[in-house]
């Protein structure tokens, strides 16, 4: 998600507040579960799989918006 960003900046952002830590953790956990489901290690219904993908995307989009705001606040 933050592949093109400086690692130190990402760490500061993630630990900036409780909400960023929660969302980042949620995104990571969903990513892990989806990878396991893709390997066949975690059986999921199509509905559960679709919902997990939506939840992961929602977390990512919110984190990206928060990142943009955080970056903008640092440049002032």
N, C-alpha and C. Protein backbone atom coordinates (compact mmCIF):
# COMPACT_ATOMS: atom_id res chain seq x y z
N UNK A 1 0.82 -1.19 0.00
CA UNK A 1 0.00 0.00 0.00
C UNK A 1 0.87 1.26 0.00
N UNK A 2 1.95 1.27 0.79
CA UNK A 2 2.82 2.44 0.86
C UNK A 2 4.18 2.13 0.25
N UNK A 3 4.18 1.32 -0.81
CA UNK A 3 5.41 0.84 -1.41
C UNK A 3 6.35 1.95 -1.87
N UNK A 4 5.80 3.05 -2.36
CA UNK A 4 6.62 4.12 -2.92
C UNK A 4 6.94 5.23 -1.92
N UNK A 5 6.69 4.97 -0.65
CA UNK A 5 6.90 5.99 0.38
C UNK A 5 8.11 5.62 1.24
N UNK A 6 8.69 6.63 1.86
CA UNK A 6 9.80 6.40 2.77
C UNK A 6 9.32 5.61 3.98
N UNK A 7 10.05 4.59 4.34
CA UNK A 7 9.66 3.71 5.45
C UNK A 7 9.47 4.49 6.76
N UNK A 8 10.36 5.44 7.04
CA UNK A 8 10.25 6.24 8.27
C UNK A 8 8.95 7.04 8.28
N UNK A 9 8.59 7.62 7.14
CA UNK A 9 7.35 8.39 7.05
C UNK A 9 6.14 7.49 7.28
N UNK A 10 6.18 6.32 6.70
CA UNK A 10 5.06 5.39 6.86
C UNK A 10 4.92 4.99 8.33
N UNK A 11 6.02 4.70 8.98
CA UNK A 11 5.98 4.34 10.40
C UNK A 11 5.40 5.48 11.24
N UNK A 12 5.85 6.70 10.97
CA UNK A 12 5.32 7.86 11.71
C UNK A 12 3.83 8.01 11.48
N UNK A 13 3.41 7.83 10.23
CA UNK A 13 1.99 7.96 9.90
C UNK A 13 1.16 6.90 10.61
N UNK A 14 1.59 5.66 10.52
CA UNK A 14 0.84 4.56 11.13
C UNK A 14 0.69 4.76 12.63
N UNK A 15 1.74 5.26 13.25
CA UNK A 15 1.71 5.43 14.70
C UNK A 15 1.24 6.82 15.12
N UNK A 16 0.75 7.61 14.17
CA UNK A 16 0.33 8.97 14.46
C UNK A 16 -0.89 9.01 15.38
N UNK A 17 -1.80 8.05 15.20
CA UNK A 17 -2.98 8.02 16.06
C UNK A 17 -3.61 6.64 16.07
N UNK A 18 -4.55 6.46 16.93
CA UNK A 18 -5.20 5.16 17.12
C UNK A 18 -5.93 4.71 15.85
N UNK A 19 -6.59 5.63 15.17
CA UNK A 19 -7.36 5.27 13.97
C UNK A 19 -6.47 4.75 12.85
N UNK A 20 -5.31 5.37 12.63
CA UNK A 20 -4.43 4.87 11.57
C UNK A 20 -3.89 3.49 11.93
N UNK A 21 -3.54 3.30 13.20
CA UNK A 21 -3.06 1.97 13.62
C UNK A 21 -4.15 0.92 13.44
N UNK A 22 -5.38 1.27 13.82
CA UNK A 22 -6.49 0.32 13.71
C UNK A 22 -6.75 -0.04 12.24
N UNK A 23 -6.83 0.96 11.39
CA UNK A 23 -7.10 0.71 9.97
C UNK A 23 -5.97 -0.07 9.30
N UNK A 24 -4.74 0.29 9.62
CA UNK A 24 -3.60 -0.41 9.03
C UNK A 24 -3.59 -1.88 9.46
N UNK A 25 -3.85 -2.11 10.74
CA UNK A 25 -3.91 -3.47 11.27
C UNK A 25 -5.04 -4.26 10.61
N UNK A 26 -6.20 -3.61 10.47
CA UNK A 26 -7.34 -4.26 9.82
C UNK A 26 -7.00 -4.62 8.37
N UNK A 27 -6.39 -3.70 7.66
CA UNK A 27 -6.02 -3.96 6.27
C UNK A 27 -5.04 -5.12 6.17
N UNK A 28 -4.04 -5.14 7.04
CA UNK A 28 -3.05 -6.21 7.03
C UNK A 28 -3.69 -7.56 7.33
N UNK A 29 -4.60 -7.59 8.31
CA UNK A 29 -5.27 -8.84 8.69
C UNK A 29 -6.15 -9.35 7.55
N UNK A 30 -6.89 -8.45 6.92
CA UNK A 30 -7.72 -8.86 5.79
C UNK A 30 -6.87 -9.36 4.63
N UNK A 31 -5.76 -8.70 4.39
CA UNK A 31 -4.85 -9.13 3.33
C UNK A 31 -4.34 -10.54 3.59
N UNK A 32 -3.96 -10.80 4.83
CA UNK A 32 -3.47 -12.14 5.21
C UNK A 32 -4.56 -13.20 5.00
N UNK A 33 -5.77 -12.90 5.44
CA UNK A 33 -6.86 -13.86 5.29
C UNK A 33 -7.20 -14.11 3.82
N UNK A 34 -7.17 -13.06 3.03
CA UNK A 34 -7.46 -13.22 1.60
C UNK A 34 -6.38 -14.04 0.90
N UNK A 35 -5.13 -13.85 1.31
CA UNK A 35 -4.05 -14.67 0.76
C UNK A 35 -4.24 -16.14 1.13
N UNK A 36 -4.62 -16.38 2.39
CA UNK A 36 -4.87 -17.76 2.84
C UNK A 36 -6.04 -18.38 2.08
N UNK A 37 -7.07 -17.59 1.85
CA UNK A 37 -8.22 -18.08 1.09
C UNK A 37 -7.81 -18.41 -0.34
N UNK A 38 -6.95 -17.58 -0.91
CA UNK A 38 -6.46 -17.82 -2.27
C UNK A 38 -5.65 -19.09 -2.39
N UNK A 39 -4.96 -19.45 -1.32
CA UNK A 39 -4.18 -20.70 -1.31
C UNK A 39 -5.03 -21.90 -0.92
N UNK A 40 -6.27 -21.66 -0.54
CA UNK A 40 -7.15 -22.76 -0.15
C UNK A 40 -7.02 -23.14 1.31
N UNK A 41 -6.28 -22.36 2.09
CA UNK A 41 -6.07 -22.66 3.51
C UNK A 41 -7.19 -22.14 4.40
N UNK A 42 -7.97 -21.20 3.87
CA UNK A 42 -9.06 -20.61 4.64
C UNK A 42 -10.32 -20.68 3.79
N UNK A 43 -11.17 -21.65 4.08
CA UNK A 43 -12.38 -21.79 3.27
C UNK A 43 -13.36 -20.64 3.56
N UNK A 44 -13.77 -19.96 2.51
CA UNK A 44 -14.73 -18.86 2.63
C UNK A 44 -15.80 -19.00 1.56
N UNK A 45 -16.99 -18.59 1.91
CA UNK A 45 -18.04 -18.55 0.90
C UNK A 45 -17.74 -17.38 -0.04
N UNK A 46 -18.36 -17.41 -1.20
CA UNK A 46 -18.18 -16.31 -2.15
C UNK A 46 -18.62 -14.99 -1.53
N UNK A 47 -19.69 -15.04 -0.76
CA UNK A 47 -20.20 -13.83 -0.13
C UNK A 47 -19.21 -13.28 0.89
N UNK A 48 -18.65 -14.17 1.73
CA UNK A 48 -17.66 -13.73 2.72
C UNK A 48 -16.40 -13.20 2.04
N UNK A 49 -15.97 -13.86 0.99
CA UNK A 49 -14.79 -13.42 0.25
C UNK A 49 -15.02 -12.03 -0.35
N UNK A 50 -16.17 -11.83 -0.95
CA UNK A 50 -16.50 -10.53 -1.54
C UNK A 50 -16.54 -9.45 -0.46
N UNK A 51 -17.13 -9.75 0.68
CA UNK A 51 -17.21 -8.77 1.76
C UNK A 51 -15.83 -8.43 2.30
N UNK A 52 -14.97 -9.42 2.45
CA UNK A 52 -13.62 -9.17 2.93
C UNK A 52 -12.86 -8.28 1.96
N UNK A 53 -13.03 -8.52 0.67
CA UNK A 53 -12.37 -7.69 -0.34
C UNK A 53 -12.87 -6.25 -0.26
N UNK A 54 -14.18 -6.09 -0.07
CA UNK A 54 -14.74 -4.74 0.07
C UNK A 54 -14.20 -4.05 1.32
N UNK A 55 -14.15 -4.76 2.42
CA UNK A 55 -13.66 -4.19 3.67
C UNK A 55 -12.18 -3.78 3.54
N UNK A 56 -11.40 -4.63 2.88
CA UNK A 56 -9.99 -4.33 2.67
C UNK A 56 -9.83 -3.08 1.81
N UNK A 57 -10.59 -2.99 0.74
CA UNK A 57 -10.53 -1.83 -0.13
C UNK A 57 -10.97 -0.57 0.60
N UNK A 58 -12.02 -0.66 1.39
CA UNK A 58 -12.49 0.49 2.16
C UNK A 58 -11.40 0.98 3.12
N UNK A 59 -10.74 0.05 3.81
CA UNK A 59 -9.66 0.42 4.72
C UNK A 59 -8.52 1.08 3.96
N UNK A 60 -8.17 0.53 2.82
CA UNK A 60 -7.09 1.10 2.01
C UNK A 60 -7.43 2.51 1.55
N UNK A 61 -8.64 2.69 1.04
CA UNK A 61 -9.04 4.01 0.55
C UNK A 61 -9.04 5.04 1.67
N UNK A 62 -9.51 4.64 2.84
CA UNK A 62 -9.53 5.57 3.97
C UNK A 62 -8.11 5.90 4.42
N UNK A 63 -7.25 4.90 4.46
CA UNK A 63 -5.85 5.15 4.82
C UNK A 63 -5.19 6.08 3.81
N UNK A 64 -5.48 5.90 2.54
CA UNK A 64 -4.90 6.76 1.51
C UNK A 64 -5.36 8.21 1.69
N UNK A 65 -6.64 8.41 2.00
CA UNK A 65 -7.13 9.77 2.26
C UNK A 65 -6.46 10.36 3.49
N UNK A 66 -6.32 9.55 4.52
CA UNK A 66 -5.67 10.01 5.75
C UNK A 66 -4.20 10.33 5.48
N UNK A 67 -3.55 9.52 4.67
CA UNK A 67 -2.15 9.76 4.30
C UNK A 67 -2.01 11.10 3.59
N UNK A 68 -2.89 11.34 2.63
CA UNK A 68 -2.84 12.61 1.89
C UNK A 68 -3.01 13.80 2.82
N UNK A 69 -3.94 13.71 3.75
CA UNK A 69 -4.16 14.78 4.72
C UNK A 69 -2.95 14.95 5.63
N UNK A 70 -2.39 13.84 6.06
CA UNK A 70 -1.22 13.87 6.93
C UNK A 70 -0.04 14.51 6.22
N UNK A 71 0.17 14.12 4.96
CA UNK A 71 1.27 14.70 4.17
C UNK A 71 1.05 16.20 3.98
N UNK A 72 -0.18 16.60 3.69
CA UNK A 72 -0.48 18.02 3.48
C UNK A 72 -0.23 18.82 4.76
N UNK A 73 -0.58 18.26 5.90
CA UNK A 73 -0.39 18.98 7.18
C UNK A 73 1.09 19.12 7.52
N UNK A 74 1.89 18.21 7.05
CA UNK A 74 3.34 18.27 7.32
C UNK A 74 4.05 19.29 6.44
N UNK A 75 3.47 19.61 5.30
CA UNK A 75 4.13 20.52 4.37
C UNK A 75 3.86 21.99 4.69
N UNK A 76 3.01 22.24 5.67
CA UNK A 76 2.69 23.63 6.05
C UNK A 76 3.51 24.08 7.22
